[in-house]
Amino acid sequence: MINITIPKPDVTIYKQKNPQLSNIYGFTDFHLITRETGGFFMFYNDKDELLFVGKARKLRPRIKKHFEDSVSVVKNHRNEIAKIEVFVNEDAVEREIYETYLINTYKAKYNVEKVFFK
């Protein structure tokens, strides 16, 4: 059996209840997410249920794209997202392994690819 340990998130941002600053779906802290570094990320709802897992070569633009893009799998569920955890990881193979592992172990609700538990 393969044992995979998930690291602690490098950045966690939360949806603001009444954002005072410019925001995207209530999130005001996108500036805390690295712009040039790769890694993987997880979207949670307010009950701490895993909604979506993704990976990217450049984290901040990819995460923001999920909130702006019309083809994102979470486009109809953006208001559910209450927390984003971000993990920096420059190794493309490791990102792929973490993403697939997290999707299937924690049964991410809105991931449609790489799903083996259905």
Protein backbone atom coordinates (compact mmCIF):
# COMPACT_ATOMS: atom_id res chain seq x y z
CA MET A 1 0.00 0.00 0.00
CA ILE A 2 1.22 3.47 -0.85
CA ASN A 3 1.19 5.95 2.01
CA ILE A 4 0.78 9.61 0.99
CA THR A 5 1.08 12.38 3.54
CA ILE A 6 -0.63 15.63 2.67
CA PRO A 7 1.44 18.64 3.76
CA LYS A 8 0.03 21.57 5.66
CA PRO A 9 -1.31 24.28 3.33
CA ASP A 10 1.05 27.13 2.52
CA VAL A 11 -1.87 29.56 2.29
CA THR A 12 -5.49 29.36 3.41
CA ILE A 13 -7.95 32.07 2.48
CA TYR A 14 -11.53 32.41 3.65
CA LYS A 15 -14.61 33.97 2.13
CA GLN A 16 -15.44 37.23 3.89
CA LYS A 17 -19.02 37.60 5.13
CA ASN A 18 -19.20 41.32 4.33
CA PRO A 19 -16.13 42.17 2.24
CA GLN A 20 -15.13 45.82 2.41
CA LEU A 21 -12.44 45.56 -0.28
CA SER A 22 -12.69 44.53 -3.90
CA ASN A 23 -13.60 40.86 -3.93
CA ILE A 24 -14.29 37.87 -6.14
CA TYR A 25 -17.20 35.88 -4.69
CA GLY A 26 -16.31 37.20 -1.24
CA PHE A 27 -12.58 36.39 -1.38
CA THR A 28 -10.33 39.40 -0.83
CA ASP A 29 -6.98 37.71 -0.13
CA PHE A 30 -5.96 36.34 -3.52
CA HIS A 31 -2.79 38.44 -3.20
CA LEU A 32 -1.57 35.93 -0.57
CA ILE A 33 -1.43 33.17 -3.21
CA THR A 34 1.79 32.98 -5.18
CA ARG A 35 1.50 34.14 -8.78
CA GLU A 36 4.50 32.40 -10.35
CA THR A 37 4.70 29.10 -8.48
CA GLY A 38 2.97 25.78 -9.14
CA GLY A 39 1.08 23.56 -6.77
CA PHE A 40 -2.34 22.20 -5.97
CA PHE A 41 -5.40 23.64 -4.27
CA MET A 42 -8.60 22.56 -2.56
CA PHE A 43 -11.98 24.32 -2.36
CA TYR A 44 -14.17 23.69 0.70
CA ASN A 45 -17.70 24.72 1.64
CA ASP A 46 -18.70 26.22 5.00
CA LYS A 47 -19.19 22.71 6.44
CA ASP A 48 -15.55 21.90 5.60
CA GLU A 49 -16.60 19.41 2.90
CA LEU A 50 -14.17 19.09 0.01
CA LEU A 51 -15.75 20.47 -3.15
CA PHE A 52 -12.92 20.52 -5.69
CA VAL A 53 -9.21 19.73 -6.05
CA GLY A 54 -7.05 21.24 -8.76
CA LYS A 55 -3.43 21.73 -9.74
CA ALA A 56 -1.58 24.40 -11.67
CA ARG A 57 1.81 25.54 -12.91
CA LYS A 58 0.87 29.05 -11.74
CA LEU A 59 -1.49 28.96 -8.79
CA ARG A 60 -3.11 32.38 -8.46
CA PRO A 61 -4.17 32.80 -12.10
CA ARG A 62 -5.55 29.24 -12.19
CA ILE A 63 -7.55 29.61 -8.99
CA LYS A 64 -8.96 32.98 -10.07
CA LYS A 65 -9.92 31.47 -13.40
CA HIS A 66 -12.27 29.06 -11.61
CA PHE A 67 -14.19 32.11 -10.38
CA GLU A 68 -14.23 33.91 -13.73
CA ASP A 69 -14.32 31.22 -16.42
CA SER A 70 -17.57 30.08 -18.01
CA VAL A 71 -16.30 26.50 -18.49
CA SER A 72 -15.07 25.78 -14.96
CA VAL A 73 -16.69 22.72 -13.36
CA VAL A 74 -17.42 24.84 -10.27
CA LYS A 75 -19.07 27.68 -12.24
CA ASN A 76 -22.53 26.86 -10.85
CA HIS A 77 -21.19 26.29 -7.33
CA ARG A 78 -18.92 29.29 -6.77
CA ASN A 79 -21.10 30.67 -3.99
CA GLU A 80 -20.64 27.42 -2.03
CA ILE A 81 -16.86 27.89 -1.75
CA ALA A 82 -15.96 29.22 1.69
CA LYS A 83 -12.30 28.25 2.04
CA ILE A 84 -9.37 27.73 -0.32
CA GLU A 85 -6.24 25.85 0.74
CA VAL A 86 -3.16 26.26 -1.41
CA PHE A 87 -0.11 23.97 -1.45
CA VAL A 88 3.06 25.05 -3.27
CA ASN A 89 4.73 22.21 -5.16
CA GLU A 90 6.92 22.75 -8.21
CA ASP A 91 7.13 19.07 -9.20
CA ALA A 92 4.54 18.30 -11.91
CA VAL A 93 4.48 14.56 -11.16
CA GLU A 94 3.93 15.13 -7.43
CA ARG A 95 1.11 17.61 -8.18
CA GLU A 96 -0.58 14.99 -10.34
CA ILE A 97 -0.25 12.33 -7.63
CA TYR A 98 -1.57 14.62 -4.88
CA GLU A 99 -4.50 15.76 -7.00
CA THR A 100 -5.59 12.23 -7.94
CA TYR A 101 -5.09 10.97 -4.39
CA LEU A 102 -7.09 13.82 -2.81
CA ILE A 103 -9.95 13.57 -5.31
CA ASN A 104 -10.43 9.87 -4.65
CA THR A 105 -9.59 9.64 -0.96
CA TYR A 106 -11.71 12.59 0.13
CA LYS A 107 -14.30 12.21 -2.67
CA ALA A 108 -14.20 15.77 -3.95
CA LYS A 109 -17.78 16.64 -4.84
CA TYR A 110 -17.30 18.51 -8.14
CA ASN A 111 -14.27 16.80 -9.66
CA VAL A 112 -15.36 14.88 -12.74
CA GLU A 113 -12.03 13.66 -14.08
CA LYS A 114 -9.62 11.27 -12.34
CA VAL A 115 -12.50 9.87 -10.29
CA PHE A 116 -12.22 6.19 -9.40
CA PHE A 117 -14.75 5.97 -6.55
CA LYS A 118 -18.03 6.11 -8.52
